[in-house]
Amino acid sequence: MQLADITESMVSAADITEVVQNVIDCLINAANNTIPKCSPRLRKFRRPWWNEACRDSRREEKKLWNIFRRYPTTENHIAFKRAKALARRMHRRSQKES
């Protein structure tokens, strides 16, 4: 399988700029034929039900999780569990409403 067809006649011209342009055109054509034009990764679809309340409840849950992780007391655990439950409720409510 040959990607770039650079022949002897392409590089034996008298003008060096013409030779360079022929080689560049050949390489660009080979690249255009082999390199994909779009990304192979799938696009990440955003959730239409996600809103500011969901964002704030998730942020609060993460904040309280970090506090509980650093200082594992019973009060911090209860606060984290409440924030997690509230975030779950907010997500479910916004999913139902959308």
PDB file of N, CA and C in Angstrom:
ATOM      1  N   MET A   1       0.849  -1.180   0.000  1.00  0.00           N
ATOM      2  CA  MET A   1       0.000   0.000   0.000  1.00  0.00           C
ATOM      3  C   MET A   1       0.892   1.239   0.000  1.00  0.00           C
ATOM      4  N   GLN A   2       0.755   2.018  -1.033  1.00  0.00           N
ATOM      5  CA  GLN A   2       1.575   3.205  -1.177  1.00  0.00           C
ATOM      6  C   GLN A   2       0.687   4.426  -0.990  1.00  0.00           C
ATOM      7  N   LEU A   3       1.046   5.273  -0.034  1.00  0.00           N
ATOM      8  CA  LEU A   3       0.220   6.432   0.282  1.00  0.00           C
ATOM      9  C   LEU A   3       0.585   7.646  -0.549  1.00  0.00           C
ATOM     10  N   ALA A   4       1.865   7.911  -0.721  1.00  0.00           N
ATOM     11  CA  ALA A   4       2.314   9.086  -1.463  1.00  0.00           C
ATOM     12  C   ALA A   4       3.074   8.625  -2.702  1.00  0.00           C
ATOM     13  N   ASP A   5       2.593   9.001  -3.877  1.00  0.00           N
ATOM     14  CA  ASP A   5       3.233   8.625  -5.133  1.00  0.00           C
ATOM     15  C   ASP A   5       4.151   9.751  -5.587  1.00  0.00           C
ATOM     16  N   ILE A   6       5.370   9.736  -5.092  1.00  0.00           N
ATOM     17  CA  ILE A   6       6.369  10.723  -5.508  1.00  0.00           C
ATOM     18  C   ILE A   6       7.221  10.052  -6.583  1.00  0.00           C
ATOM     19  N   THR A   7       7.086  10.524  -7.804  1.00  0.00           N
ATOM     20  CA  THR A   7       7.794   9.916  -8.931  1.00  0.00           C
ATOM     21  C   THR A   7       9.060  10.701  -9.253  1.00  0.00           C
ATOM     22  N   GLU A   8       9.866  10.094 -10.106  1.00  0.00           N
ATOM     23  CA  GLU A   8      11.122  10.726 -10.522  1.00  0.00           C
ATOM     24  C   GLU A   8      10.864  12.002 -11.310  1.00  0.00           C
ATOM     25  N   SER A   9       9.802  12.018 -12.088  1.00  0.00           N
ATOM     26  CA  SER A   9       9.506  13.206 -12.893  1.00  0.00           C
ATOM     27  C   SER A   9       9.071  14.385 -12.018  1.00  0.00           C
ATOM     28  N   MET A  10       8.530  14.093 -10.831  1.00  0.00           N
ATOM     29  CA  MET A  10       8.103  15.169  -9.930  1.00  0.00           C
ATOM     30  C   MET A  10       9.297  15.902  -9.328  1.00  0.00           C
ATOM     31  N   VAL A  11      10.379  15.194  -9.091  1.00  0.00           N
ATOM     32  CA  VAL A  11      11.520  15.805  -8.415  1.00  0.00           C
ATOM     33  C   VAL A  11      12.666  16.167  -9.354  1.00  0.00           C
ATOM     34  N   SER A  12      12.500  15.923 -10.640  1.00  0.00           N
ATOM     35  CA  SER A  12      13.593  16.221 -11.567  1.00  0.00           C
ATOM     36  C   SER A  12      13.346  17.484 -12.388  1.00  0.00           C
ATOM     37  N   ALA A  13      12.455  18.330 -11.947  1.00  0.00           N
ATOM     38  CA  ALA A  13      12.194  19.584 -12.663  1.00  0.00           C
ATOM     39  C   ALA A  13      13.340  20.561 -12.411  1.00  0.00           C
ATOM     40  N   ALA A  14      13.458  21.542 -13.297  1.00  0.00           N
ATOM     41  CA  ALA A  14      14.550  22.508 -13.200  1.00  0.00           C
ATOM     42  C   ALA A  14      14.314  23.519 -12.080  1.00  0.00           C
ATOM     43  N   ASP A  15      13.072  23.855 -11.831  1.00  0.00           N
ATOM     44  CA  ASP A  15      12.741  24.860 -10.822  1.00  0.00           C
ATOM     45  C   ASP A  15      12.534  24.175  -9.467  1.00  0.00           C
ATOM     46  N   ILE A  16      13.296  24.574  -8.474  1.00  0.00           N
ATOM     47  CA  ILE A  16      13.230  23.943  -7.146  1.00  0.00           C
ATOM     48  C   ILE A  16      11.904  24.217  -6.455  1.00  0.00           C
ATOM     49  N   THR A  17      11.324  25.389  -6.670  1.00  0.00           N
ATOM     50  CA  THR A  17      10.035  25.696  -6.029  1.00  0.00           C
ATOM     51  C   THR A  17       8.932  24.810  -6.582  1.00  0.00           C
ATOM     52  N   GLU A  18       9.013  24.472  -7.864  1.00  0.00           N
ATOM     53  CA  GLU A  18       8.021  23.568  -8.458  1.00  0.00           C
ATOM     54  C   GLU A  18       8.161  22.164  -7.879  1.00  0.00           C
ATOM     55  N   VAL A  19       9.392  21.714  -7.674  1.00  0.00           N
ATOM     56  CA  VAL A  19       9.648  20.396  -7.087  1.00  0.00           C
ATOM     57  C   VAL A  19       9.111  20.344  -5.662  1.00  0.00           C
ATOM     58  N   VAL A  20       9.414  21.370  -4.889  1.00  0.00           N
ATOM     59  CA  VAL A  20       8.942  21.417  -3.499  1.00  0.00           C
ATOM     60  C   VAL A  20       7.420  21.443  -3.460  1.00  0.00           C
ATOM     61  N   GLN A  21       6.810  22.222  -4.341  1.00  0.00           N
ATOM     62  CA  GLN A  21       5.345  22.303  -4.369  1.00  0.00           C
ATOM     63  C   GLN A  21       4.725  20.958  -4.758  1.00  0.00           C
ATOM     64  N   ASN A  22       5.340  20.244  -5.704  1.00  0.00           N
ATOM     65  CA  ASN A  22       4.844  18.919  -6.095  1.00  0.00           C
ATOM     66  C   ASN A  22       4.900  17.941  -4.925  1.00  0.00           C
ATOM     67  N   VAL A  23       6.003  17.944  -4.192  1.00  0.00           N
ATOM     68  CA  VAL A  23       6.150  17.040  -3.043  1.00  0.00           C
ATOM     69  C   VAL A  23       5.156  17.412  -1.948  1.00  0.00           C
ATOM     70  N   ILE A  24       4.999  18.695  -1.687  1.00  0.00           N
ATOM     71  CA  ILE A  24       4.040  19.143  -0.662  1.00  0.00           C
ATOM     72  C   ILE A  24       2.626  18.735  -1.046  1.00  0.00           C
ATOM     73  N   ASP A  25       2.245  18.939  -2.305  1.00  0.00           N
ATOM     74  CA  ASP A  25       0.904  18.553  -2.760  1.00  0.00           C
ATOM     75  C   ASP A  25       0.678  17.055  -2.619  1.00  0.00           C
ATOM     76  N   CYS A  26       1.699  16.287  -2.942  1.00  0.00           N
ATOM     77  CA  CYS A  26       1.593  14.835  -2.827  1.00  0.00           C
ATOM     78  C   CYS A  26       1.409  14.413  -1.369  1.00  0.00           C
ATOM     79  N   LEU A  27       2.167  15.012  -0.468  1.00  0.00           N
ATOM     80  CA  LEU A  27       2.040  14.680   0.958  1.00  0.00           C
ATOM     81  C   LEU A  27       0.693  15.122   1.521  1.00  0.00           C
ATOM     82  N   ILE A  28       0.214  16.287   1.111  1.00  0.00           N
ATOM     83  CA  ILE A  28      -1.087  16.764   1.594  1.00  0.00           C
ATOM     84  C   ILE A  28      -2.209  15.864   1.099  1.00  0.00           C
ATOM     85  N   ASN A  29      -2.132  15.424  -0.157  1.00  0.00           N
ATOM     86  CA  ASN A  29      -3.147  14.505  -0.683  1.00  0.00           C
ATOM     87  C   ASN A  29      -3.129  13.178   0.070  1.00  0.00           C
ATOM     88  N   ALA A  30      -1.935  12.667   0.375  1.00  0.00           N
ATOM     89  CA  ALA A  30      -1.830  11.418   1.133  1.00  0.00           C
ATOM     90  C   ALA A  30      -2.413  11.588   2.531  1.00  0.00           C
ATOM     91  N   ALA A  31      -2.135  12.729   3.157  1.00  0.00           N
ATOM     92  CA  ALA A  31      -2.676  12.977   4.500  1.00  0.00           C
ATOM     93  C   ALA A  31      -4.193  13.114   4.454  1.00  0.00           C
ATOM     94  N   ASN A  32      -4.723  13.817   3.462  1.00  0.00           N
ATOM     95  CA  ASN A  32      -6.180  13.977   3.352  1.00  0.00           C
ATOM     96  C   ASN A  32      -6.882  12.652   3.112  1.00  0.00           C
ATOM     97  N   ASN A  33      -6.218  11.727   2.423  1.00  0.00           N
ATOM     98  CA  ASN A  33      -6.834  10.428   2.146  1.00  0.00           C
ATOM     99  C   ASN A  33      -6.762   9.472   3.326  1.00  0.00           C
ATOM    100  N   THR A  34      -5.835   9.677   4.250  1.00  0.00           N
ATOM    101  CA  THR A  34      -5.651   8.703   5.333  1.00  0.00           C
ATOM    102  C   THR A  34      -6.060   9.199   6.711  1.00  0.00           C
ATOM    103  N   ILE A  35      -5.955  10.482   6.980  1.00  0.00           N
ATOM    104  CA  ILE A  35      -6.267  11.004   8.315  1.00  0.00           C
ATOM    105  C   ILE A  35      -7.765  11.260   8.410  1.00  0.00           C
ATOM    106  N   PRO A  36      -8.442  10.725   9.438  1.00  0.00           N
ATOM    107  CA  PRO A  36      -9.889  10.949   9.561  1.00  0.00           C
ATOM    108  C   PRO A  36     -10.218  12.417   9.803  1.00  0.00           C
ATOM    109  N   LYS A  37     -11.351  12.840   9.279  1.00  0.00           N
ATOM    110  CA  LYS A  37     -11.747  14.247   9.374  1.00  0.00           C
ATOM    111  C   LYS A  37     -12.513  14.557  10.660  1.00  0.00           C
ATOM    112  N   CYS A  38     -13.039  13.542  11.314  1.00  0.00           N
ATOM    113  CA  CYS A  38     -13.786  13.782  12.553  1.00  0.00           C
ATOM    114  C   CYS A  38     -13.215  12.894  13.654  1.00  0.00           C
ATOM    115  N   SER A  39     -13.552  13.239  14.859  1.00  0.00           N
ATOM    116  CA  SER A  39     -13.040  12.524  16.015  1.00  0.00           C
ATOM    117  C   SER A  39     -13.753  11.180  16.166  1.00  0.00           C
ATOM    118  N   PRO A  40     -13.040  10.117  16.511  1.00  0.00           N
ATOM    119  CA  PRO A  40     -13.692   8.824  16.701  1.00  0.00           C
ATOM    120  C   PRO A  40     -14.450   8.720  18.021  1.00  0.00           C
ATOM    121  N   ARG A  41     -14.245   9.701  18.929  1.00  0.00           N
ATOM    122  CA  ARG A  41     -14.939   9.661  20.215  1.00  0.00           C
ATOM    123  C   ARG A  41     -16.386  10.089  20.054  1.00  0.00           C
ATOM    124  N   LEU A  42     -17.248   9.478  20.821  1.00  0.00           N
ATOM    125  CA  LEU A  42     -18.654   9.858  20.803  1.00  0.00           C
ATOM    126  C   LEU A  42     -18.850  11.165  21.552  1.00  0.00           C
ATOM    127  N   ARG A  43     -19.806  11.938  21.086  1.00  0.00           N
ATOM    128  CA  ARG A  43     -20.086  13.209  21.728  1.00  0.00           C
ATOM    129  C   ARG A  43     -20.832  12.977  23.035  1.00  0.00           C
ATOM    130  N   LYS A  44     -20.482  13.723  24.046  1.00  0.00           N
ATOM    131  CA  LYS A  44     -21.118  13.592  25.345  1.00  0.00           C
ATOM    132  C   LYS A  44     -22.392  14.431  25.347  1.00  0.00           C
ATOM    133  N   PHE A  45     -23.529  13.775  25.518  1.00  0.00           N
ATOM    134  CA  PHE A  45     -24.798  14.475  25.510  1.00  0.00           C
ATOM    135  C   PHE A  45     -25.089  15.017  26.907  1.00  0.00           C
ATOM    136  N   ARG A  46     -25.433  16.257  26.960  1.00  0.00           N
ATOM    137  CA  ARG A  46     -25.744  16.898  28.228  1.00  0.00           C
ATOM    138  C   ARG A  46     -27.145  16.508  28.671  1.00  0.00           C
ATOM    139  N   ARG A  47     -27.335  16.475  29.979  1.00  0.00           N
ATOM    140  CA  ARG A  47     -28.644  16.133  30.524  1.00  0.00           C
ATOM    141  C   ARG A  47     -29.525  17.379  30.494  1.00  0.00           C
ATOM    142  N   PRO A  48     -30.673  17.299  29.835  1.00  0.00           N
ATOM    143  CA  PRO A  48     -31.518  18.500  29.739  1.00  0.00           C
ATOM    144  C   PRO A  48     -32.175  18.873  31.061  1.00  0.00           C
ATOM    145  N   TRP A  49     -32.244  17.948  31.988  1.00  0.00           N
ATOM    146  CA  TRP A  49     -32.915  18.237  33.259  1.00  0.00           C
ATOM    147  C   TRP A  49     -31.973  18.856  34.286  1.00  0.00           C
ATOM    148  N   TRP A  50     -30.689  18.881  34.020  1.00  0.00           N
ATOM    149  CA  TRP A  50     -29.716  19.411  34.981  1.00  0.00           C
ATOM    150  C   TRP A  50     -29.861  20.927  35.058  1.00  0.00           C
ATOM    151  N   ASN A  51     -30.051  21.457  36.265  1.00  0.00           N
ATOM    152  CA  ASN A  51     -30.232  22.904  36.431  1.00  0.00           C
ATOM    153  C   ASN A  51     -29.370  23.404  37.588  1.00  0.00           C
ATOM    154  N   GLU A  52     -29.573  24.666  37.955  1.00  0.00           N
ATOM    155  CA  GLU A  52     -28.742  25.273  39.002  1.00  0.00           C
ATOM    156  C   GLU A  52     -28.971  24.618  40.360  1.00  0.00           C
ATOM    157  N   ALA A  53     -30.214  24.222  40.637  1.00  0.00           N
ATOM    158  CA  ALA A  53     -30.499  23.569  41.922  1.00  0.00           C
ATOM    159  C   ALA A  53     -29.756  22.235  42.020  1.00  0.00           C
ATOM    160  N   CYS A  54     -29.720  21.494  40.920  1.00  0.00           N
ATOM    161  CA  CYS A  54     -28.969  20.231  40.905  1.00  0.00           C
ATOM    162  C   CYS A  54     -27.483  20.497  41.115  1.00  0.00           C
ATOM    163  N   ARG A  55     -26.983  21.511  40.438  1.00  0.00           N
ATOM    164  CA  ARG A  55     -25.570  21.849  40.563  1.00  0.00           C
ATOM    165  C   ARG A  55     -25.228  22.240  42.000  1.00  0.00           C
ATOM    166  N   ASP A  56     -26.081  23.078  42.604  1.00  0.00           N
ATOM    167  CA  ASP A  56     -25.808  23.532  43.968  1.00  0.00           C
ATOM    168  C   ASP A  56     -25.888  22.389  44.973  1.00  0.00           C
ATOM    169  N   SER A  57     -26.888  21.507  44.812  1.00  0.00           N
ATOM    170  CA  SER A  57     -27.007  20.388  45.752  1.00  0.00           C
ATOM    171  C   SER A  57     -25.835  19.420  45.599  1.00  0.00           C
ATOM    172  N   ARG A  58     -25.387  19.209  44.374  1.00  0.00           N
ATOM    173  CA  ARG A  58     -24.230  18.337  44.149  1.00  0.00           C
ATOM    174  C   ARG A  58     -22.958  18.966  44.728  1.00  0.00           C
ATOM    175  N   ARG A  59     -22.826  20.271  44.567  1.00  0.00           N
ATOM    176  CA  ARG A  59     -21.659  20.978  45.104  1.00  0.00           C
ATOM    177  C   ARG A  59     -21.636  20.887  46.630  1.00  0.00           C
ATOM    178  N   GLU A  60     -22.802  21.065  47.250  1.00  0.00           N
ATOM    179  CA  GLU A  60     -22.900  20.971  48.711  1.00  0.00           C
ATOM    180  C   GLU A  60     -22.575  19.552  49.183  1.00  0.00           C
ATOM    181  N   GLU A  61     -23.064  18.556  48.448  1.00  0.00           N
ATOM    182  CA  GLU A  61     -22.778  17.167  48.796  1.00  0.00           C
ATOM    183  C   GLU A  61     -21.272  16.896  48.740  1.00  0.00           C
ATOM    184  N   LYS A  62     -20.615  17.355  47.692  1.00  0.00           N
ATOM    185  CA  LYS A  62     -19.169  17.153  47.573  1.00  0.00           C
ATOM    186  C   LYS A  62     -18.408  17.882  48.672  1.00  0.00           C
ATOM    187  N   LYS A  63     -18.879  19.084  49.016  1.00  0.00           N
ATOM    188  CA  LYS A  63     -18.218  19.854  50.070  1.00  0.00           C
ATOM    189  C   LYS A  63     -18.313  19.115  51.404  1.00  0.00           C
ATOM    190  N   LEU A  64     -19.513  18.626  51.725  1.00  0.00           N
ATOM    191  CA  LEU A  64     -19.685  17.912  52.987  1.00  0.00           C
ATOM    192  C   LEU A  64     -18.977  16.558  52.975  1.00  0.00           C
ATOM    193  N   TRP A  65     -18.857  15.933  51.806  1.00  0.00           N
ATOM    194  CA  TRP A  65     -18.100  14.686  51.724  1.00  0.00           C
ATOM    195  C   TRP A  65     -16.627  14.937  52.048  1.00  0.00           C
ATOM    196  N   ASN A  66     -16.081  16.024  51.518  1.00  0.00           N
ATOM    197  CA  ASN A  66     -14.676  16.335  51.793  1.00  0.00           C
ATOM    198  C   ASN A  66     -14.455  16.649  53.269  1.00  0.00           C
ATOM    199  N   ILE A  67     -15.415  17.336  53.875  1.00  0.00           N
ATOM    200  CA  ILE A  67     -15.302  17.618  55.311  1.00  0.00           C
ATOM    201  C   ILE A  67     -15.355  16.317  56.101  1.00  0.00           C
ATOM    202  N   PHE A  68     -16.310  15.439  55.759  1.00  0.00           N
ATOM    203  CA  PHE A  68     -16.439  14.164  56.464  1.00  0.00           C
ATOM    204  C   PHE A  68     -15.202  13.290  56.252  1.00  0.00           C
ATOM    205  N   ARG A  69     -14.652  13.323  55.050  1.00  0.00           N
ATOM    206  CA  ARG A  69     -13.472  12.514  54.757  1.00  0.00           C
ATOM    207  C   ARG A  69     -12.278  12.975  55.588  1.00  0.00           C
ATOM    208  N   ARG A  70     -12.149  14.289  55.762  1.00  0.00           N
ATOM    209  CA  ARG A  70     -11.023  14.813  56.543  1.00  0.00           C
ATOM    210  C   ARG A  70     -11.247  14.681  58.043  1.00  0.00           C
ATOM    211  N   TYR A  71     -12.494  14.893  58.473  1.00  0.00           N
ATOM    212  CA  TYR A  71     -12.834  14.840  59.904  1.00  0.00           C
ATOM    213  C   TYR A  71     -14.009  13.882  60.088  1.00  0.00           C
ATOM    214  N   PRO A  72     -13.739  12.576  60.204  1.00  0.00           N
ATOM    215  CA  PRO A  72     -14.821  11.589  60.243  1.00  0.00           C
ATOM    216  C   PRO A  72     -15.533  11.514  61.600  1.00  0.00           C
ATOM    217  N   THR A  73     -16.342  12.516  61.876  1.00  0.00           N
ATOM    218  CA  THR A  73     -17.139  12.503  63.102  1.00  0.00           C
ATOM    219  C   THR A  73     -18.568  12.110  62.752  1.00  0.00           C
ATOM    220  N   THR A  74     -19.340  11.792  63.763  1.00  0.00           N
ATOM    221  CA  THR A  74     -20.733  11.412  63.552  1.00  0.00           C
ATOM    222  C   THR A  74     -21.542  12.574  62.996  1.00  0.00           C
ATOM    223  N   GLU A  75     -21.298  13.775  63.495  1.00  0.00           N
ATOM    224  CA  GLU A  75     -22.038  14.945  63.007  1.00  0.00           C
ATOM    225  C   GLU A  75     -21.759  15.195  61.524  1.00  0.00           C
ATOM    226  N   ASN A  76     -20.491  15.074  61.145  1.00  0.00           N
ATOM    227  CA  ASN A  76     -20.142  15.280  59.741  1.00  0.00           C
ATOM    228  C   ASN A  76     -20.738  14.190  58.854  1.00  0.00           C
ATOM    229  N   HIS A  77     -20.800  12.974  59.375  1.00  0.00           N
ATOM    230  CA  HIS A  77     -21.386  11.876  58.613  1.00  0.00           C
ATOM    231  C   HIS A  77     -22.876  12.112  58.393  1.00  0.00           C
ATOM    232  N   ILE A  78     -23.566  12.540  59.428  1.00  0.00           N
ATOM    233  CA  ILE A  78     -25.004  12.818  59.306  1.00  0.00           C
ATOM    234  C   ILE A  78     -25.243  13.972  58.338  1.00  0.00           C
ATOM    235  N   ALA A  79     -24.433  15.005  58.425  1.00  0.00           N
ATOM    236  CA  ALA A  79     -24.585  16.147  57.510  1.00  0.00           C
ATOM    237  C   ALA A  79     -24.351  15.714  56.065  1.00  0.00           C
ATOM    238  N   PHE A  80     -23.360  14.867  55.846  1.00  0.00           N
ATOM    239  CA  PHE A  80     -23.097  14.380  54.495  1.00  0.00           C
ATOM    240  C   PHE A  80     -24.255  13.535  53.988  1.00  0.00           C
ATOM    241  N   LYS A  81     -24.772  12.645  54.830  1.00  0.00           N
ATOM    242  CA  LYS A  81     -25.887  11.789  54.420  1.00  0.00           C
ATOM    243  C   LYS A  81     -27.116  12.622  54.060  1.00  0.00           C
ATOM    244  N   ARG A  82     -27.384  13.674  54.837  1.00  0.00           N
ATOM    245  CA  ARG A  82     -28.524  14.548  54.538  1.00  0.00           C
ATOM    246  C   ARG A  82     -28.326  15.274  53.210  1.00  0.00           C
ATOM    247  N   ALA A  83     -27.125  15.760  52.986  1.00  0.00           N
ATOM    248  CA  ALA A  83     -26.843  16.459  51.724  1.00  0.00           C
ATOM    249  C   ALA A  83     -26.947  15.505  50.539  1.00  0.00           C
ATOM    250  N   LYS A  84     -26.507  14.275  50.729  1.00  0.00           N
ATOM    251  CA  LYS A  84     -26.594  13.283  49.659  1.00  0.00           C
ATOM    252  C   LYS A  84     -28.047  12.955  49.346  1.00  0.00           C
ATOM    253  N   ALA A  85     -28.860  12.808  50.381  1.00  0.00           N
ATOM    254  CA  ALA A  85     -30.282  12.533  50.175  1.00  0.00           C
ATOM    255  C   ALA A  85     -30.973  13.712  49.506  1.00  0.00           C
ATOM    256  N   LEU A  86     -30.624  14.925  49.919  1.00  0.00           N
ATOM    257  CA  LEU A  86     -31.209  16.114  49.301  1.00  0.00           C
ATOM    258  C   LEU A  86     -30.824  16.203  47.824  1.00  0.00           C
ATOM    259  N   ALA A  87     -29.577  15.915  47.513  1.00  0.00           N
ATOM    260  CA  ALA A  87     -29.130  15.945  46.117  1.00  0.00           C
ATOM    261  C   ALA A  87     -29.874  14.897  45.295  1.00  0.00           C
ATOM    262  N   ARG A  88     -30.058  13.719  45.858  1.00  0.00           N
ATOM    263  CA  ARG A  88     -30.807  12.673  45.163  1.00  0.00           C
ATOM    264  C   ARG A  88     -32.242  13.110  44.889  1.00  0.00           C
ATOM    265  N   ARG A  89     -32.869  13.723  45.912  1.00  0.00           N
ATOM    266  CA  ARG A  89     -34.244  14.222  45.744  1.00  0.00           C
ATOM    267  C   ARG A  89     -34.320  15.288  44.660  1.00  0.00           C
ATOM    268  N   MET A  90     -33.352  16.207  44.669  1.00  0.00           N
ATOM    269  CA  MET A  90     -33.346  17.278  43.665  1.00  0.00           C
ATOM    270  C   MET A  90     -33.193  16.701  42.256  1.00  0.00           C
ATOM    271  N   HIS A  91     -32.314  15.732  42.085  1.00  0.00           N
ATOM    272  CA  HIS A  91     -32.104  15.134  40.769  1.00  0.00           C
ATOM    273  C   HIS A  91     -33.370  14.439  40.293  1.00  0.00           C
ATOM    274  N   ARG A  92     -33.986  13.667  41.169  1.00  0.00           N
ATOM    275  CA  ARG A  92     -35.212  12.961  40.778  1.00  0.00           C
ATOM    276  C   ARG A  92     -36.334  13.930  40.445  1.00  0.00           C
ATOM    277  N   ARG A  93     -36.461  14.988  41.249  1.00  0.00           N
ATOM    278  CA  ARG A  93     -37.516  15.974  41.017  1.00  0.00           C
ATOM    279  C   ARG A  93     -37.315  16.685  39.681  1.00  0.00           C
ATOM    280  N   SER A  94     -36.099  17.087  39.409  1.00  0.00           N
ATOM    281  CA  SER A  94     -35.857  17.797  38.148  1.00  0.00           C
ATOM    282  C   SER A  94     -35.991  16.857  36.947  1.00  0.00           C
ATOM    283  N   GLN A  95     -35.696  15.572  37.115  1.00  0.00           N
ATOM    284  CA  GLN A  95     -35.906  14.614  36.030  1.00  0.00           C
ATOM    285  C   GLN A  95     -37.392  14.442  35.747  1.00  0.00           C
ATOM    286  N   LYS A  96     -38.207  14.390  36.798  1.00  0.00           N
ATOM    287  CA  LYS A  96     -39.653  14.254  36.611  1.00  0.00           C
ATOM    288  C   LYS A  96     -40.250  15.482  35.947  1.00  0.00           C
ATOM    289  N   GLU A  97     -39.769  16.669  36.337  1.00  0.00           N
ATOM    290  CA  GLU A  97     -40.347  17.904  35.824  1.00  0.00           C
ATOM    291  C   GLU A  97     -39.940  18.198  34.388  1.00  0.00           C
ATOM    292  N   SER A  98     -38.853  17.639  33.936  1.00  0.00           N
ATOM    293  CA  SER A  98     -38.418  17.961  32.567  1.00  0.00           C
ATOM    294  C   SER A  98     -39.056  17.049  31.538  1.00  0.00           C
TER     295      SER A  98
END
